[in-house]
Protein backbone atom coordinates (compact mmCIF):
# COMPACT_ATOMS: atom_id res chain seq x y z
CA MET A 1 97.56 -26.24 -13.89
CA VAL A 2 95.13 -28.64 -12.25
CA LEU A 3 95.65 -29.23 -8.52
CA SER A 4 94.84 -32.55 -6.94
CA GLY A 5 92.18 -32.90 -4.26
CA SER A 6 94.71 -34.44 -1.87
CA LYS A 7 96.47 -31.84 0.26
CA HIS A 8 99.61 -34.03 0.53
CA TYR A 9 99.87 -34.32 -3.22
CA ARG A 10 99.24 -30.59 -3.60
CA ALA A 11 101.98 -29.79 -1.08
CA ARG A 12 104.46 -32.00 -2.94
CA SER A 13 103.47 -30.37 -6.22
CA LEU A 14 104.01 -26.87 -4.80
CA ARG A 15 107.40 -27.77 -3.36
CA CYS A 16 108.44 -29.21 -6.65
CA ARG A 17 107.11 -26.24 -8.65
CA PRO A 18 107.93 -22.86 -7.03
CA ALA A 19 106.16 -20.98 -9.81
CA ALA A 20 102.86 -22.71 -9.01
CA CYS A 21 103.31 -21.85 -5.32
CA VAL A 22 103.91 -18.20 -6.08
CA ASP A 23 100.88 -18.15 -8.35
CA LEU A 24 98.66 -19.67 -5.61
CA VAL A 25 99.84 -17.13 -3.01
CA HIS A 26 99.25 -14.31 -5.46
CA ARG A 27 95.70 -15.45 -6.14
CA ARG A 28 95.01 -15.65 -2.38
CA ASN A 29 96.30 -12.12 -1.84
CA VAL A 30 94.19 -10.80 -4.70
CA ARG A 31 91.10 -12.50 -3.34
CA ARG A 32 91.78 -11.10 0.16
CA ARG A 33 92.26 -7.54 -1.14
CA LEU A 34 89.08 -7.85 -3.18
CA LEU A 35 87.02 -8.99 -0.20
CA THR A 36 88.56 -6.27 1.98
CA HIS A 37 87.68 -3.64 -0.58
CA ILE A 38 84.11 -4.93 -0.83
CA PHE A 39 83.51 -4.85 2.94
CA THR A 40 85.34 -1.58 3.68
CA ALA A 41 84.29 0.47 0.66
CA GLY A 42 82.30 3.51 1.70
CA ARG A 43 83.13 3.06 5.40
CA PRO A 44 85.65 5.73 6.45
CA GLU A 45 85.80 4.45 10.01
CA PHE A 46 88.00 1.59 8.71
CA ALA A 47 91.59 2.48 8.02
CA ARG A 48 94.62 0.58 6.87
CA ASP A 49 96.92 -0.56 9.65
CA ALA A 50 100.50 -0.02 8.59
CA GLN A 51 101.79 -2.86 10.75
CA SER A 52 99.59 -5.57 9.27
CA SER A 53 97.48 -6.41 6.27
CA GLU A 54 94.31 -6.67 8.40
CA HIS A 55 91.70 -3.95 8.78
CA PHE A 56 90.45 -2.96 12.23
CA PRO A 57 88.47 -0.03 13.56
CA PRO A 58 91.28 1.95 15.21
CA ALA A 59 88.82 3.38 17.71
CA SER A 60 88.01 -0.10 19.12
CA ARG A 61 91.68 -1.04 19.48
CA GLU A 62 92.46 2.24 21.11
CA ALA A 63 89.49 1.91 23.45
CA ARG A 64 90.61 -1.55 24.49
CA PHE A 65 94.07 -0.27 25.09
CA ASP A 66 92.79 2.73 27.05
CA ILE A 67 90.64 0.54 29.32
CA GLY A 68 93.56 -1.68 30.24
CA ALA A 69 95.92 1.25 30.62
CA SER A 70 93.45 3.18 32.75
CA LEU A 71 92.85 0.23 35.06
CA ARG A 72 96.58 -0.45 35.43
CA GLY A 73 97.43 3.20 35.89
CA HIS A 74 94.86 3.66 38.65
CA ALA A 75 95.29 0.32 40.40
CA TRP A 76 96.21 2.11 43.62
CA LEU A 77 92.94 4.04 43.50
CA ILE A 78 90.90 0.86 42.93
CA ALA A 79 92.69 -0.90 45.81
CA ALA A 80 92.07 2.08 48.09
CA ILE A 81 88.36 2.17 47.27
CA VAL A 82 88.06 -1.60 47.85
CA ALA A 83 89.84 -1.24 51.20
CA VAL A 84 87.53 1.59 52.23
CA SER A 85 84.54 -0.52 51.17
CA MET A 86 85.76 -3.41 53.31
CA ILE A 87 86.11 -1.12 56.31
CA ALA A 88 82.63 0.28 55.65
CA GLY A 89 81.20 -3.25 55.42
CA ILE A 90 82.79 -4.27 58.72
CA ALA A 91 81.54 -1.08 60.37
CA TYR A 92 78.03 -1.63 59.01
CA SER A 93 77.92 -5.22 60.26
CA GLN A 94 78.88 -4.00 63.73
CA MET A 95 76.60 -0.95 63.86
CA ALA A 96 73.50 -2.25 62.05
CA PRO A 97 70.50 -3.28 64.18
CA LYS A 98 70.74 -6.96 65.03
CA TRP A 99 67.88 -9.33 64.27
CA TYR A 100 67.49 -12.69 65.99
CA SER A 101 65.61 -15.63 64.50
CA ALA A 102 64.13 -18.38 66.69
CA SER A 103 62.89 -21.61 65.07
CA ALA A 104 60.58 -24.42 66.15
CA LEU A 105 60.00 -27.79 64.46
CA LEU A 106 56.64 -29.46 63.87
CA LEU A 107 55.89 -32.93 62.54
CA ILE A 108 52.85 -33.12 60.25
CA ARG A 109 51.28 -36.58 60.19
CA GLU A 110 48.35 -37.99 58.29
CA PRO A 111 45.23 -38.27 60.49
CA LYS A 112 44.25 -41.78 61.55
CA SER A 113 40.72 -41.20 60.31
CA ALA A 114 42.09 -41.17 56.75
CA ASN A 115 42.68 -44.91 57.06
CA LEU A 116 38.92 -45.55 57.15
CA THR A 117 38.78 -44.95 53.42
CA GLY A 118 41.28 -47.72 52.79
CA GLY A 119 44.39 -45.55 52.37
CA SER A 120 47.72 -46.44 53.87
CA GLY A 121 48.79 -44.96 57.15
CA SER A 122 51.88 -43.25 55.77
CA GLY A 123 50.47 -42.22 52.41
CA ASP A 124 52.40 -41.74 49.21
CA GLY A 125 54.82 -38.91 48.50
CA VAL A 126 52.37 -36.75 46.58
CA ALA A 127 49.74 -36.97 49.31
CA ASN A 128 52.31 -36.08 51.98
CA THR A 129 53.53 -33.11 49.95
CA ILE A 130 49.99 -31.78 49.51
CA LEU A 131 49.26 -32.30 53.21
CA VAL A 132 52.40 -30.44 54.33
CA GLU A 133 51.86 -27.56 51.88
CA ASN A 134 48.28 -27.17 53.08
CA GLN A 135 49.41 -27.01 56.70
CA ILE A 136 52.05 -24.40 55.81
CA GLU A 137 49.42 -22.15 54.25
CA ILE A 138 47.21 -22.60 57.32
CA MET A 139 50.10 -21.53 59.58
CA ARG A 140 50.41 -18.29 57.61
CA SER A 141 46.67 -17.60 57.59
CA ASP A 142 45.02 -14.67 59.35
CA ARG A 143 43.15 -16.98 61.72
CA ILE A 144 46.32 -18.44 63.25
CA LEU A 145 48.17 -15.12 63.43
CA ARG A 146 45.14 -13.33 64.87
CA ARG A 147 44.90 -15.93 67.63
CA ALA A 148 48.62 -15.52 68.39
CA ALA A 149 48.28 -11.72 68.44
CA GLU A 150 45.43 -11.95 70.92
CA THR A 151 47.40 -14.38 73.10
CA LEU A 152 50.44 -12.08 73.18
CA ALA A 153 48.36 -8.88 73.48
CA LEU A 154 50.29 -7.30 70.62
CA ARG A 155 47.84 -4.45 70.11
CA SER A 156 49.36 -2.82 73.17
CA ASP A 157 52.93 -3.58 72.06
CA PRO A 158 54.51 -0.38 70.63
CA GLU A 159 56.64 -2.40 68.20
CA PHE A 160 53.56 -3.83 66.47
CA ALA A 161 50.62 -1.58 67.22
CA LYS A 162 51.89 1.61 65.52
CA PRO A 163 51.39 1.90 61.75
CA LYS A 164 53.99 3.61 59.59
CA ALA A 165 53.85 7.40 59.48
CA TRP A 166 52.12 8.93 56.49
CA PRO A 167 53.52 11.97 54.63
CA PHE A 168 52.81 15.42 56.11
CA GLY A 169 51.69 13.87 59.39
CA LEU A 170 48.47 12.41 57.96
CA ALA A 171 47.02 9.41 59.73
CA ALA A 172 45.93 6.27 57.96
CA VAL A 173 42.27 5.98 57.08
CA GLY A 174 40.45 4.04 59.80
CA GLU A 175 43.57 3.89 61.99
CA GLY A 176 41.62 4.12 65.22
CA THR A 177 39.28 1.19 64.55
CA PRO A 178 40.10 -2.10 66.33
CA GLU A 179 39.75 -4.16 63.13
CA VAL A 180 42.35 -2.12 61.24
CA SER A 181 44.68 -2.18 64.24
CA THR A 182 44.40 -5.97 64.56
CA GLN A 183 44.93 -6.46 60.83
CA TRP A 184 48.04 -4.26 61.01
CA VAL A 185 49.44 -6.47 63.76
CA VAL A 186 48.62 -9.59 61.73
CA ASP A 187 50.42 -8.19 58.68
CA GLN A 188 53.48 -7.36 60.76
CA LEU A 189 53.53 -10.88 62.17
CA ARG A 190 53.32 -12.38 58.68
CA GLU A 191 56.25 -10.26 57.46
CA ARG A 192 58.50 -11.54 60.24
CA LEU A 193 57.24 -15.13 60.14
CA GLY A 194 59.01 -17.80 58.13
CA VAL A 195 57.45 -21.22 57.46
CA LYS A 196 59.21 -23.79 55.29
CA ARG A 197 59.38 -27.52 54.78
CA VAL A 198 62.58 -29.28 55.82
CA GLY A 199 63.73 -31.05 52.66
CA LEU A 200 61.30 -33.74 51.51
CA SER A 201 60.34 -34.76 55.04
CA GLN A 202 57.13 -34.02 56.92
CA LEU A 203 58.93 -31.62 59.25
CA VAL A 204 58.00 -27.94 59.12
CA GLU A 205 60.27 -25.21 60.47
CA ILE A 206 58.56 -22.13 61.92
CA SER A 207 60.90 -19.18 62.47
CA PHE A 208 60.26 -15.66 63.74
CA ARG A 209 62.54 -12.58 63.59
CA MET A 210 62.79 -10.05 66.39
CA ARG A 211 65.42 -7.69 67.74
CA ASP A 212 65.07 -9.31 71.14
CA PRO A 213 66.15 -13.00 71.14
CA ASP A 214 63.84 -13.90 74.03
CA LYS A 215 60.82 -12.33 72.35
CA ALA A 216 61.70 -14.11 69.09
CA ALA A 217 61.48 -17.49 70.84
CA GLN A 218 58.32 -16.45 72.69
CA PHE A 219 56.56 -15.36 69.50
CA ALA A 220 57.60 -18.49 67.58
CA ASN A 221 56.27 -20.75 70.35
CA ALA A 222 53.07 -18.70 70.57
CA ILE A 223 52.41 -19.15 66.85
CA VAL A 224 53.09 -22.89 67.12
CA GLU A 225 50.73 -23.16 70.08
CA SER A 226 48.09 -21.16 68.22
CA PHE A 227 48.34 -23.52 65.24
CA ILE A 228 48.13 -26.67 67.38
CA THR A 229 45.16 -25.31 69.35
CA ASP A 230 43.39 -24.34 66.16
CA GLN A 231 43.91 -27.82 64.73
CA TYR A 232 42.50 -29.45 67.87
CA GLU A 233 39.48 -27.14 67.97
CA PHE A 234 38.76 -27.66 64.29
CA LYS A 235 39.01 -31.44 64.70
CA ALA A 236 36.76 -31.36 67.78
CA GLN A 237 34.10 -29.33 65.95
CA ASP A 238 34.31 -31.64 62.95
CA ASN A 239 33.94 -34.70 65.19
CA ALA A 240 30.96 -33.14 66.98
CA ARG A 241 29.20 -32.49 63.68
CA GLU A 242 29.95 -36.02 62.47
CA LEU A 243 28.78 -37.53 65.75
CA GLN A 244 25.54 -35.57 65.58
CA ALA A 245 24.94 -36.77 62.03
CA LEU A 246 25.74 -40.36 62.98
CA GLY A 247 23.34 -40.39 65.95
CA GLY A 248 20.15 -40.71 63.92
CA ARG A 249 21.77 -42.92 61.31
CA VAL A 250 22.98 -45.44 63.91
CA GLU A 251 19.51 -45.74 65.43
CA GLU A 252 17.96 -46.14 61.98
CA LEU A 253 20.41 -48.90 61.02
CA ARG A 254 19.81 -50.64 64.33
CA MET A 255 16.07 -50.83 63.63
CA GLN A 256 16.69 -51.98 60.06
CA SER A 257 19.12 -54.67 61.22
CA PHE A 258 16.64 -55.93 63.81
CA ALA A 259 13.81 -56.04 61.25
CA ALA A 260 15.98 -57.84 58.67
CA GLU A 261 17.11 -60.48 61.16
CA LYS A 262 13.53 -61.00 62.34
CA ALA A 263 12.28 -61.40 58.75
CA ALA A 264 15.03 -63.92 57.98
CA GLN A 265 14.25 -65.99 61.07
CA SER A 266 10.52 -65.88 60.36
CA SER A 267 11.11 -67.07 56.81
CA LYS A 268 13.19 -69.97 58.09
CA ASP A 269 10.49 -70.97 60.57
CA ASP A 270 7.73 -70.82 57.94
CA GLY A 271 9.64 -72.77 55.30
CA LEU A 272 10.49 -76.51 55.25
CA PRO A 273 14.11 -76.79 56.37
CA GLY A 274 16.52 -79.23 54.78
CA ASP A 275 16.42 -81.77 51.98
CA ALA A 276 14.56 -84.30 54.13
CA ALA A 277 11.52 -82.04 54.31
CA ALA A 278 11.68 -81.56 50.57
CA ALA A 279 11.73 -85.34 50.07
CA GLN A 280 8.82 -85.71 52.44
CA ALA A 281 6.92 -83.00 50.61
CA SER A 282 7.48 -84.78 47.32
CA ALA A 283 6.71 -88.26 48.66
CA GLY A 284 3.45 -87.30 50.38
CA PRO A 285 1.53 -86.69 47.19
CA ILE A 286 2.71 -90.06 45.85
CA GLU A 287 1.23 -91.98 48.77
CA SER A 288 -1.96 -90.02 48.65
CA GLY A 289 -2.04 -90.58 44.90
CA ARG A 290 -2.09 -94.34 45.46
CA GLY A 291 -4.98 -94.02 47.86
CA TYR A 292 -7.03 -91.86 45.59
CA ALA A 293 -5.91 -93.51 42.33
CA ARG A 294 -4.32 -90.46 40.89
CA SER A 295 -2.46 -90.73 37.71
CA TYR A 296 1.30 -90.85 37.55
CA GLU A 297 1.42 -87.59 35.60
CA SER A 298 -0.49 -85.61 38.20
CA VAL A 299 1.80 -86.93 40.93
CA GLU A 300 4.89 -85.79 38.99
CA LYS A 301 3.39 -82.35 38.44
CA GLU A 302 2.59 -82.02 42.12
CA ARG A 303 6.10 -83.00 43.12
CA ALA A 304 7.66 -80.56 40.62
CA GLY A 305 5.49 -77.73 41.96
CA ARG A 306 6.49 -78.50 45.53
CA ALA A 307 10.16 -78.55 44.49
CA ARG A 308 9.84 -75.11 42.86
CA GLU A 309 8.18 -73.71 45.95
CA PHE A 310 10.95 -75.13 48.11
CA ALA A 311 13.66 -73.63 45.86
CA GLU A 312 11.97 -70.22 45.90
CA SER A 313 11.66 -70.40 49.66
CA GLN A 314 15.36 -71.20 50.04
CA ALA A 315 16.33 -68.34 47.70
CA ARG A 316 14.17 -65.94 49.70
CA ILE A 317 15.75 -67.15 52.94
CA ARG A 318 19.27 -66.63 51.53
CA GLU A 319 18.36 -63.14 50.33
CA LEU A 320 16.96 -62.19 53.72
CA ASP A 321 20.08 -63.57 55.41
CA SER A 322 22.30 -61.49 53.12
CA VAL A 323 20.30 -58.33 53.81
CA ALA A 324 20.43 -59.01 57.54
CA ARG A 325 24.22 -59.53 57.49
CA SER A 326 24.84 -56.40 55.39
CA THR A 327 22.64 -54.27 57.61
CA ARG A 328 24.30 -55.66 60.72
CA ALA A 329 27.80 -54.92 59.30
CA ALA A 330 26.86 -51.33 58.41
CA TYR A 331 25.31 -50.83 61.83
CA GLU A 332 28.39 -52.17 63.64
CA LYS A 333 30.72 -49.99 61.55
CA LEU A 334 28.77 -46.82 62.28
CA LEU A 335 28.45 -47.80 65.93
CA GLN A 336 32.23 -48.27 66.18
CA ARG A 337 32.82 -44.89 64.54
CA SER A 338 30.35 -43.28 66.92
CA ILE A 339 32.17 -44.78 69.90
CA GLU A 340 35.53 -43.51 68.57
CA LEU A 341 34.16 -39.99 68.12
CA SER A 342 32.62 -40.02 71.58
CA GLY A 343 35.94 -40.93 73.18
CA TRP A 344 38.13 -38.65 71.01
CA THR A 345 40.81 -36.61 72.74
CA PRO A 346 43.66 -34.50 71.29
CA ALA A 347 46.16 -37.11 72.45
CA SER A 348 44.30 -39.99 70.78
CA GLU A 349 44.71 -38.60 67.26
CA ALA A 350 47.48 -35.99 67.12
CA SER A 351 48.08 -35.03 63.50
CA VAL A 352 50.54 -32.31 64.59
CA GLN A 353 53.41 -33.00 66.96
CA ARG A 354 55.84 -30.46 68.39
CA VAL A 355 59.30 -31.91 67.76
CA ALA A 356 61.43 -29.06 69.13
CA PRO A 357 60.25 -25.80 70.70
CA ALA A 358 61.90 -22.50 69.87
CA THR A 359 64.73 -21.38 72.14
CA SER A 360 66.41 -17.99 72.50
CA PRO A 361 69.16 -17.70 69.84
CA THR A 362 72.65 -16.74 70.96
CA ARG A 363 73.84 -15.32 67.62
CA PRO A 364 72.02 -12.82 65.42
CA SER A 365 70.69 -13.98 62.08
CA TRP A 366 71.35 -10.52 60.61
CA PRO A 367 73.67 -8.79 59.93
CA ARG A 368 76.15 -11.50 58.93
CA LEU A 369 79.71 -10.39 58.31
CA LEU A 370 80.64 -12.54 55.30
CA PRO A 371 77.70 -11.69 52.96
CA ILE A 372 77.92 -8.00 53.86
CA LEU A 373 81.68 -7.95 53.34
CA LEU A 374 81.42 -9.64 49.93
CA THR A 375 78.70 -7.21 48.86
CA PHE A 376 80.73 -4.16 49.88
CA VAL A 377 83.88 -5.51 48.19
CA VAL A 378 82.05 -6.11 44.90
CA LEU A 379 80.43 -2.68 45.00
CA GLY A 380 83.73 -1.03 45.92
CA GLY A 381 85.58 -2.79 43.11
CA ALA A 382 82.94 -1.76 40.57
CA ALA A 383 83.01 1.84 41.80
CA GLY A 384 86.83 1.92 41.70
CA CYS A 385 86.93 0.62 38.11
CA ALA A 386 84.34 3.17 37.01
CA ILE A 387 86.27 6.04 38.61
CA ALA A 388 89.54 4.81 37.07
CA LEU A 389 88.00 4.72 33.59
CA LEU A 390 86.58 8.22 33.99
CA LEU A 391 89.93 9.58 35.13
CA GLY A 392 91.69 7.87 32.23
CA ARG A 393 89.18 9.37 29.76
CA PHE A 394 89.65 12.86 31.17
CA GLN A 395 93.44 12.53 31.16
CA ARG A 396 93.47 11.42 27.51
CA ALA A 397 91.12 14.24 26.52
CA SER A 398 93.35 16.78 28.19
């Protein structure tokens, strides 16, 4: 019997011919038994399930059943462990040492001196990102933290000046030296310091963690002040070096500008100014040529030579004028920069601005009840399920 490719036609054919339907079902059953025999031959872990024609590993079905039965049978135990975990989490959040975090905001702006190169005052997004990231790394540097530690006299503070105890009462190598002690304080400051950018803006948040809320605000403000002072001192030193380098250059350009202007004026005085002088220079030889009976050709040659000399003189005058103007422009630019550097003050070009100082926090940043409670509940639930499965395994074995 040839079956059609259309399933509707095949269904009608099978309904009309019961014998063909029985034959098709028989062939399917034979093929299924053959495949089952091929895949289960030589594998004793597979056994025939009396309730169905499928083959399953009885151990897997039993294990799945035991897991569900064990969890349902010991639900009271799991609930009790979760409840105890919640109580433990609440107790821990109330008894754990409280840490307070004070934050200050700084605005990082592009220096005005960057505009001298032709850049925009605000800069593009990539330049602002690089600028802010650089300032963040500077805030976390040893130089800033060392200055803050010296301002707060942290080497005498017992919370910062004592290194961690070594095993068997041994002291750290070089513990008594001032350099190691200062570096220890700097490392402790860096561990408790947090510096991050606020979104995609140019605001930087500086936070500091302490167990005392007042000291947290004091330390955060001290680090901010240390960073601002360091920026001002660095800018002042950079301006002093630039001003010293510009001093000799300004005087040199002043002399060059004076010499160029003098040469241009001297060239103008020596030359014949204007087209009228050129006409006079060309007409003079003609009149003298009539008196001395010169030939017409010699007069033309003389006039052409005078015209070339006049053109060369004008070109030389224009060149000297251009040199004088360029030298004068360079001199005035350097002179203006020198005047700006001489009158520089921190307020005239503040690339860092304190937006909001740190204040004493009223609520601790750690421990927080909700994260601790969720953590204890998850751990308690996992522990309860594990204990329930172990009890179910032992009960089945017994």
